């Protein structure tokens, strides 16, 4: 079984000192274990494409320097403009097939599948490079409200036993609650507030302690 890796998701505010914080987080991941952090998702809302591209530029350069994939959330158009490493699609953001045509064969295309085995299988058949399940825990980033179905770690175990496409666990994940997801076989843990809500270096080191021992 492959070791679980971290997939960082940006806060909505990526201006100010955020580039420095991203550099610190990626450097901490490399220092602890070179492959701990393998992807970073650029997630901003309600910005025009020009402003989003301006904010993305320094972050994309930092990711490239650390050999971390730079993934754009939701927008195929922005991903194409930035020549990003890939795009992450919600269920309303278009199909993996469309993204492949827009971004090319090498692009990493991920799809949000919530708690649905059916949506995940559909995404895989449509050419997704990874599927994302969640929210596993209450989350400001990925929750759909109190009535949203919350997946169990068993969903990750089922997926990894049957399919080769990697799976991402997302939603309220912290160093304190991630062990069942790691043990179930999650290829990636997608985390945001657990890292950016405090000291990013301490958070990365805490995740490394749980995930690598």
C-alpha atoms as a PDB file:
ATOM      1  CA  UNK A   1       0.000   0.000   0.000  1.00  0.00           C
ATOM      2  CA  UNK A   2       1.333   3.442  -0.916  1.00  0.00           C
ATOM      3  CA  UNK A   3       1.952   5.997   1.814  1.00  0.00           C
ATOM      4  CA  UNK A   4      -0.643   8.708   2.297  1.00  0.00           C
ATOM      5  CA  UNK A   5       0.438  12.170   1.173  1.00  0.00           C
ATOM      6  CA  UNK A   6      -0.798  15.700   1.858  1.00  0.00           C
ATOM      7  CA  UNK A   7      -2.775  17.758  -0.631  1.00  0.00           C
ATOM      8  CA  UNK A   8      -2.866  21.369   0.605  1.00  0.00           C
ATOM      9  CA  UNK A   9      -5.837  23.596  -0.229  1.00  0.00           C
ATOM     10  CA  UNK A  10      -5.349  27.333  -0.083  1.00  0.00           C
ATOM     11  CA  UNK A  11      -7.349  29.635   2.147  1.00  0.00           C
ATOM     12  CA  UNK A  12      -9.554  32.063   0.239  1.00  0.00           C
ATOM     13  CA  UNK A  13      -7.166  34.912   1.065  1.00  0.00           C
ATOM     14  CA  UNK A  14      -3.928  34.146  -0.750  1.00  0.00           C
ATOM     15  CA  UNK A  15      -2.548  37.685  -0.754  1.00  0.00           C
ATOM     16  CA  UNK A  16      -0.394  39.408   1.852  1.00  0.00           C
ATOM     17  CA  UNK A  17       2.123  37.073   3.459  1.00  0.00           C
ATOM     18  CA  UNK A  18       0.507  33.889   2.150  1.00  0.00           C
ATOM     19  CA  UNK A  19       3.282  33.149  -0.379  1.00  0.00           C
ATOM     20  CA  UNK A  20       5.773  33.154   2.505  1.00  0.00           C
ATOM     21  CA  UNK A  21       3.517  30.818   4.493  1.00  0.00           C
ATOM     22  CA  UNK A  22       3.219  28.438   1.547  1.00  0.00           C
ATOM     23  CA  UNK A  23       6.990  28.391   1.169  1.00  0.00           C
ATOM     24  CA  UNK A  24       7.370  27.585   4.870  1.00  0.00           C
ATOM     25  CA  UNK A  25       4.806  24.768   4.690  1.00  0.00           C
ATOM     26  CA  UNK A  26       6.330  23.141   1.612  1.00  0.00           C
ATOM     27  CA  UNK A  27       9.838  23.462   3.022  1.00  0.00           C
ATOM     28  CA  UNK A  28       8.671  21.812   6.264  1.00  0.00           C
ATOM     29  CA  UNK A  29       7.099  18.956   4.306  1.00  0.00           C
ATOM     30  CA  UNK A  30      10.283  18.414   2.325  1.00  0.00           C
ATOM     31  CA  UNK A  31      12.414  18.601   5.447  1.00  0.00           C
ATOM     32  CA  UNK A  32      10.389  15.976   7.287  1.00  0.00           C
ATOM     33  CA  UNK A  33       9.773  13.691   4.308  1.00  0.00           C
ATOM     34  CA  UNK A  34      10.435  14.782   0.749  1.00  0.00           C
ATOM     35  CA  UNK A  35       7.168  13.379  -0.575  1.00  0.00           C
ATOM     36  CA  UNK A  36       4.855  14.442   2.255  1.00  0.00           C
ATOM     37  CA  UNK A  37       3.202  17.327   0.353  1.00  0.00           C
ATOM     38  CA  UNK A  38       2.608  16.525  -3.306  1.00  0.00           C
ATOM     39  CA  UNK A  39      -0.145  18.913  -4.411  1.00  0.00           C
ATOM     40  CA  UNK A  40      -1.485  22.397  -3.729  1.00  0.00           C
ATOM     41  CA  UNK A  41      -4.949  23.550  -4.773  1.00  0.00           C
ATOM     42  CA  UNK A  42      -5.427  27.236  -5.614  1.00  0.00           C
ATOM     43  CA  UNK A  43      -8.951  27.992  -4.379  1.00  0.00           C
ATOM     44  CA  UNK A  44     -10.257  31.548  -4.635  1.00  0.00           C
ATOM     45  CA  UNK A  45     -13.802  32.862  -5.038  1.00  0.00           C
ATOM     46  CA  UNK A  46     -15.421  35.874  -6.691  1.00  0.00           C
ATOM     47  CA  UNK A  47     -12.284  37.186  -8.391  1.00  0.00           C
ATOM     48  CA  UNK A  48     -11.925  37.991 -12.060  1.00  0.00           C
ATOM     49  CA  UNK A  49      -9.501  35.814 -13.953  1.00  0.00           C
ATOM     50  CA  UNK A  50      -6.873  38.556 -14.269  1.00  0.00           C
ATOM     51  CA  UNK A  51      -6.733  39.129 -10.500  1.00  0.00           C
ATOM     52  CA  UNK A  52      -6.769  35.383  -9.802  1.00  0.00           C
ATOM     53  CA  UNK A  53      -3.855  34.898 -12.206  1.00  0.00           C
ATOM     54  CA  UNK A  54      -1.898  37.704 -10.517  1.00  0.00           C
ATOM     55  CA  UNK A  55      -2.321  36.065  -7.109  1.00  0.00           C
ATOM     56  CA  UNK A  56      -1.552  32.607  -8.477  1.00  0.00           C
ATOM     57  CA  UNK A  57       1.756  33.504 -10.124  1.00  0.00           C
ATOM     58  CA  UNK A  58       4.034  33.567  -7.041  1.00  0.00           C
ATOM     59  CA  UNK A  59       2.308  30.526  -5.535  1.00  0.00           C
ATOM     60  CA  UNK A  60       2.721  28.544  -8.739  1.00  0.00           C
ATOM     61  CA  UNK A  61       6.438  29.389  -8.780  1.00  0.00           C
ATOM     62  CA  UNK A  62       6.843  28.215  -5.167  1.00  0.00           C
ATOM     63  CA  UNK A  63       5.097  24.939  -5.957  1.00  0.00           C
ATOM     64  CA  UNK A  64       7.283  24.407  -9.025  1.00  0.00           C
ATOM     65  CA  UNK A  65      10.421  24.980  -6.961  1.00  0.00           C
ATOM     66  CA  UNK A  66       9.309  22.256  -4.535  1.00  0.00           C
ATOM     67  CA  UNK A  67       8.054  19.852  -7.231  1.00  0.00           C
ATOM     68  CA  UNK A  68       4.499  20.168  -5.877  1.00  0.00           C
ATOM     69  CA  UNK A  69       1.612  19.972  -8.354  1.00  0.00           C
ATOM     70  CA  UNK A  70      -0.296  23.252  -8.728  1.00  0.00           C
ATOM     71  CA  UNK A  71      -4.019  22.495  -9.129  1.00  0.00           C
ATOM     72  CA  UNK A  72      -6.689  25.108  -9.870  1.00  0.00           C
ATOM     73  CA  UNK A  73     -10.074  24.708  -8.191  1.00  0.00           C
ATOM     74  CA  UNK A  74     -13.241  24.786 -10.324  1.00  0.00           C
ATOM     75  CA  UNK A  75     -12.019  26.749 -13.357  1.00  0.00           C
ATOM     76  CA  UNK A  76     -10.761  25.030 -16.500  1.00  0.00           C
ATOM     77  CA  UNK A  77     -10.273  28.450 -18.090  1.00  0.00           C
ATOM     78  CA  UNK A  78      -7.983  29.683 -15.304  1.00  0.00           C
ATOM     79  CA  UNK A  79      -6.094  26.389 -15.256  1.00  0.00           C
ATOM     80  CA  UNK A  80      -5.502  26.706 -18.993  1.00  0.00           C
ATOM     81  CA  UNK A  81      -4.427  30.353 -18.694  1.00  0.00           C
ATOM     82  CA  UNK A  82      -1.908  29.510 -15.964  1.00  0.00           C
ATOM     83  CA  UNK A  83      -0.728  26.301 -17.650  1.00  0.00           C
ATOM     84  CA  UNK A  84      -1.432  24.733 -14.261  1.00  0.00           C
ATOM     85  CA  UNK A  85      -0.612  21.111 -13.524  1.00  0.00           C
ATOM     86  CA  UNK A  86      -4.300  20.330 -13.280  1.00  0.00           C
ATOM     87  CA  UNK A  87      -7.823  21.266 -12.264  1.00  0.00           C
ATOM     88  CA  UNK A  88     -10.191  20.089  -9.540  1.00  0.00           C
ATOM     89  CA  UNK A  89     -13.823  19.886 -10.641  1.00  0.00           C
ATOM     90  CA  UNK A  90     -16.949  20.023  -8.529  1.00  0.00           C
ATOM     91  CA  UNK A  91     -20.005  18.231  -9.833  1.00  0.00           C
ATOM     92  CA  UNK A  92     -21.175  21.436 -11.569  1.00  0.00           C
ATOM     93  CA  UNK A  93     -17.804  22.469 -13.053  1.00  0.00           C
ATOM     94  CA  UNK A  94     -17.749  20.362 -16.210  1.00  0.00           C
ATOM     95  CA  UNK A  95     -16.599  16.854 -17.027  1.00  0.00           C
ATOM     96  CA  UNK A  96     -13.143  15.261 -16.907  1.00  0.00           C
ATOM     97  CA  UNK A  97     -13.503  14.688 -20.654  1.00  0.00           C
ATOM     98  CA  UNK A  98     -13.953  18.431 -21.263  1.00  0.00           C
ATOM     99  CA  UNK A  99     -11.050  19.218 -18.951  1.00  0.00           C
ATOM    100  CA  UNK A 100      -8.823  16.740 -20.779  1.00  0.00           C
ATOM    101  CA  UNK A 101      -9.647  18.350 -24.103  1.00  0.00           C
ATOM    102  CA  UNK A 102      -8.938  21.833 -22.702  1.00  0.00           C
ATOM    103  CA  UNK A 103      -5.804  21.065 -20.686  1.00  0.00           C
ATOM    104  CA  UNK A 104      -4.149  18.168 -22.476  1.00  0.00           C
ATOM    105  CA  UNK A 105      -3.067  14.630 -21.697  1.00  0.00           C
ATOM    106  CA  UNK A 106      -0.636  15.520 -18.917  1.00  0.00           C
ATOM    107  CA  UNK A 107      -3.097  17.511 -16.775  1.00  0.00           C
ATOM    108  CA  UNK A 108      -4.115  16.109 -13.406  1.00  0.00           C
ATOM    109  CA  UNK A 109      -7.912  16.121 -13.236  1.00  0.00           C
ATOM    110  CA  UNK A 110      -9.724  15.541  -9.960  1.00  0.00           C
ATOM    111  CA  UNK A 111     -13.444  15.306  -9.256  1.00  0.00           C
ATOM    112  CA  UNK A 112     -15.446  15.888  -6.081  1.00  0.00           C
ATOM    113  CA  UNK A 113     -17.591  12.807  -5.425  1.00  0.00           C
ATOM    114  CA  UNK A 114     -18.959  13.585  -1.928  1.00  0.00           C
ATOM    115  CA  UNK A 115     -19.997  10.254  -0.350  1.00  0.00           C
ATOM    116  CA  UNK A 116     -21.051   8.619  -3.620  1.00  0.00           C
ATOM    117  CA  UNK A 117     -19.586   5.420  -5.011  1.00  0.00           C
ATOM    118  CA  UNK A 118     -21.599   5.986  -8.174  1.00  0.00           C
ATOM    119  CA  UNK A 119     -20.187   9.476  -8.802  1.00  0.00           C
ATOM    120  CA  UNK A 120     -16.663   8.194  -8.193  1.00  0.00           C
ATOM    121  CA  UNK A 121     -17.045   5.344 -10.651  1.00  0.00           C
ATOM    122  CA  UNK A 122     -18.531   7.743 -13.215  1.00  0.00           C
ATOM    123  CA  UNK A 123     -15.576  10.116 -12.737  1.00  0.00           C
ATOM    124  CA  UNK A 124     -13.106   7.286 -13.178  1.00  0.00           C
ATOM    125  CA  UNK A 125     -14.800   6.106 -16.353  1.00  0.00           C
ATOM    126  CA  UNK A 126     -14.754   9.696 -17.678  1.00  0.00           C
ATOM    127  CA  UNK A 127     -10.991   9.907 -17.262  1.00  0.00           C
ATOM    128  CA  UNK A 128     -10.423  11.515 -13.847  1.00  0.00           C
ATOM    129  CA  UNK A 129      -6.917  11.117 -12.415  1.00  0.00           C
ATOM    130  CA  UNK A 130      -8.217  11.120  -8.850  1.00  0.00           C
ATOM    131  CA  UNK A 131     -11.524  11.189  -6.979  1.00  0.00           C
ATOM    132  CA  UNK A 132     -12.213  13.147  -3.801  1.00  0.00           C
ATOM    133  CA  UNK A 133     -14.524  11.904  -1.058  1.00  0.00           C
ATOM    134  CA  UNK A 134     -15.843  14.077   1.761  1.00  0.00           C
ATOM    135  CA  UNK A 135     -16.498  15.948   3.881  1.00  0.00           C
ATOM    136  CA  UNK A 136     -15.425  13.348   6.430  1.00  0.00           C
ATOM    137  CA  UNK A 137     -15.661  15.868   9.291  1.00  0.00           C
ATOM    138  CA  UNK A 138     -17.357  19.264   9.705  1.00  0.00           C
ATOM    139  CA  UNK A 139     -15.611  21.673   7.337  1.00  0.00           C
ATOM    140  CA  UNK A 140     -15.932  25.330   6.370  1.00  0.00           C
ATOM    141  CA  UNK A 141     -14.327  24.501   3.020  1.00  0.00           C
ATOM    142  CA  UNK A 142     -16.252  21.487   1.772  1.00  0.00           C
ATOM    143  CA  UNK A 143     -19.426  21.091   3.862  1.00  0.00           C
ATOM    144  CA  UNK A 144     -22.801  21.178   2.149  1.00  0.00           C
ATOM    145  CA  UNK A 145     -24.723  21.766   5.368  1.00  0.00           C
ATOM    146  CA  UNK A 146     -26.010  19.562   8.216  1.00  0.00           C
ATOM    147  CA  UNK A 147     -27.991  17.317   5.863  1.00  0.00           C
ATOM    148  CA  UNK A 148     -25.010  16.410   3.682  1.00  0.00           C
ATOM    149  CA  UNK A 149     -24.167  12.727   3.762  1.00  0.00           C
ATOM    150  CA  UNK A 150     -20.856  12.211   5.524  1.00  0.00           C
ATOM    151  CA  UNK A 151     -18.729   9.346   4.187  1.00  0.00           C
ATOM    152  CA  UNK A 152     -17.083   6.793   6.446  1.00  0.00           C
ATOM    153  CA  UNK A 153     -13.479   5.582   6.173  1.00  0.00           C
ATOM    154  CA  UNK A 154     -14.841   2.297   4.795  1.00  0.00           C
ATOM    155  CA  UNK A 155     -15.593   4.128   1.547  1.00  0.00           C
ATOM    156  CA  UNK A 156     -11.866   4.772   1.070  1.00  0.00           C
ATOM    157  CA  UNK A 157     -11.046   1.141   1.820  1.00  0.00           C
ATOM    158  CA  UNK A 158     -13.652  -0.058  -0.704  1.00  0.00           C
ATOM    159  CA  UNK A 159     -12.294   2.271  -3.392  1.00  0.00           C
ATOM    160  CA  UNK A 160      -8.633   1.408  -2.919  1.00  0.00           C
ATOM    161  CA  UNK A 161      -9.355  -2.315  -2.983  1.00  0.00           C
ATOM    162  CA  UNK A 162     -11.219  -2.142  -6.306  1.00  0.00           C
ATOM    163  CA  UNK A 163      -9.697   0.728  -8.271  1.00  0.00           C
ATOM    164  CA  UNK A 164      -6.229   1.987  -9.145  1.00  0.00           C
ATOM    165  CA  UNK A 165      -7.253   5.656  -9.475  1.00  0.00           C
ATOM    166  CA  UNK A 166      -6.054   7.509  -6.336  1.00  0.00           C
ATOM    167  CA  UNK A 167      -8.557   8.794  -3.807  1.00  0.00           C
ATOM    168  CA  UNK A 168      -8.447  11.984  -1.771  1.00  0.00           C
ATOM    169  CA  UNK A 169     -10.110  12.375   1.629  1.00  0.00           C
ATOM    170  CA  UNK A 170     -11.310  15.896   2.358  1.00  0.00           C
ATOM    171  CA  UNK A 171     -13.238  17.898   4.925  1.00  0.00           C
ATOM    172  CA  UNK A 172     -12.228  18.992   8.414  1.00  0.00           C
ATOM    173  CA  UNK A 173      -9.162  16.739   8.534  1.00  0.00           C
ATOM    174  CA  UNK A 174      -6.623  17.412  11.282  1.00  0.00           C
ATOM    175  CA  UNK A 175      -3.600  15.577  12.709  1.00  0.00           C
ATOM    176  CA  UNK A 176      -5.888  14.441  15.553  1.00  0.00           C
ATOM    177  CA  UNK A 177      -8.607  12.793  13.450  1.00  0.00           C
ATOM    178  CA  UNK A 178      -6.804  11.602  10.309  1.00  0.00           C
ATOM    179  CA  UNK A 179      -5.546   8.201  11.479  1.00  0.00           C
ATOM    180  CA  UNK A 180      -8.669   6.219  10.415  1.00  0.00           C
ATOM    181  CA  UNK A 181      -8.441   7.775   6.937  1.00  0.00           C
ATOM    182  CA  UNK A 182      -4.774   6.879   6.614  1.00  0.00           C
ATOM    183  CA  UNK A 183      -5.454   3.349   7.841  1.00  0.00           C
ATOM    184  CA  UNK A 184      -8.354   2.991   5.371  1.00  0.00           C
ATOM    185  CA  UNK A 185      -5.949   3.648   2.505  1.00  0.00           C
ATOM    186  CA  UNK A 186      -6.494   7.286   1.494  1.00  0.00           C
ATOM    187  CA  UNK A 187      -3.855   8.199  -1.080  1.00  0.00           C
ATOM    188  CA  UNK A 188      -4.095  11.879  -0.135  1.00  0.00           C
ATOM    189  CA  UNK A 189      -5.447  13.937   2.737  1.00  0.00           C
ATOM    190  CA  UNK A 190      -6.717  17.314   1.528  1.00  0.00           C
ATOM    191  CA  UNK A 191      -6.263  19.881   4.277  1.00  0.00           C
ATOM    192  CA  UNK A 192      -6.767  23.619   4.563  1.00  0.00           C
ATOM    193  CA  UNK A 193      -7.742  25.165   7.908  1.00  0.00           C
ATOM    194  CA  UNK A 194      -5.726  22.602   9.874  1.00  0.00           C
ATOM    195  CA  UNK A 195      -2.592  24.067   8.260  1.00  0.00           C
ATOM    196  CA  UNK A 196      -3.431  27.714   7.536  1.00  0.00           C
ATOM    197  CA  UNK A 197      -5.484  28.337  10.688  1.00  0.00           C
ATOM    198  CA  UNK A 198      -2.370  28.443  12.852  1.00  0.00           C
ATOM    199  CA  UNK A 199       1.351  27.749  12.596  1.00  0.00           C
ATOM    200  CA  UNK A 200       1.751  26.030   9.223  1.00  0.00           C
ATOM    201  CA  UNK A 201       5.127  24.487  10.064  1.00  0.00           C
ATOM    202  CA  UNK A 202       3.856  22.969  13.305  1.00  0.00           C
ATOM    203  CA  UNK A 203       0.804  21.643  11.470  1.00  0.00           C
ATOM    204  CA  UNK A 204       2.872  19.997   8.731  1.00  0.00           C
ATOM    205  CA  UNK A 205       5.118  18.421  11.347  1.00  0.00           C
ATOM    206  CA  UNK A 206       2.091  17.155  13.287  1.00  0.00           C
ATOM    207  CA  UNK A 207       0.660  15.541  10.142  1.00  0.00           C
ATOM    208  CA  UNK A 208       4.065  14.007   9.370  1.00  0.00           C
ATOM    209  CA  UNK A 209       4.202  12.518  12.867  1.00  0.00           C
ATOM    210  CA  UNK A 210       0.874  10.732  12.354  1.00  0.00           C
ATOM    211  CA  UNK A 211       1.353   9.778   8.701  1.00  0.00           C
ATOM    212  CA  UNK A 212       4.989   8.712   8.824  1.00  0.00           C
ATOM    213  CA  UNK A 213       5.627   8.047  12.504  1.00  0.00           C
END
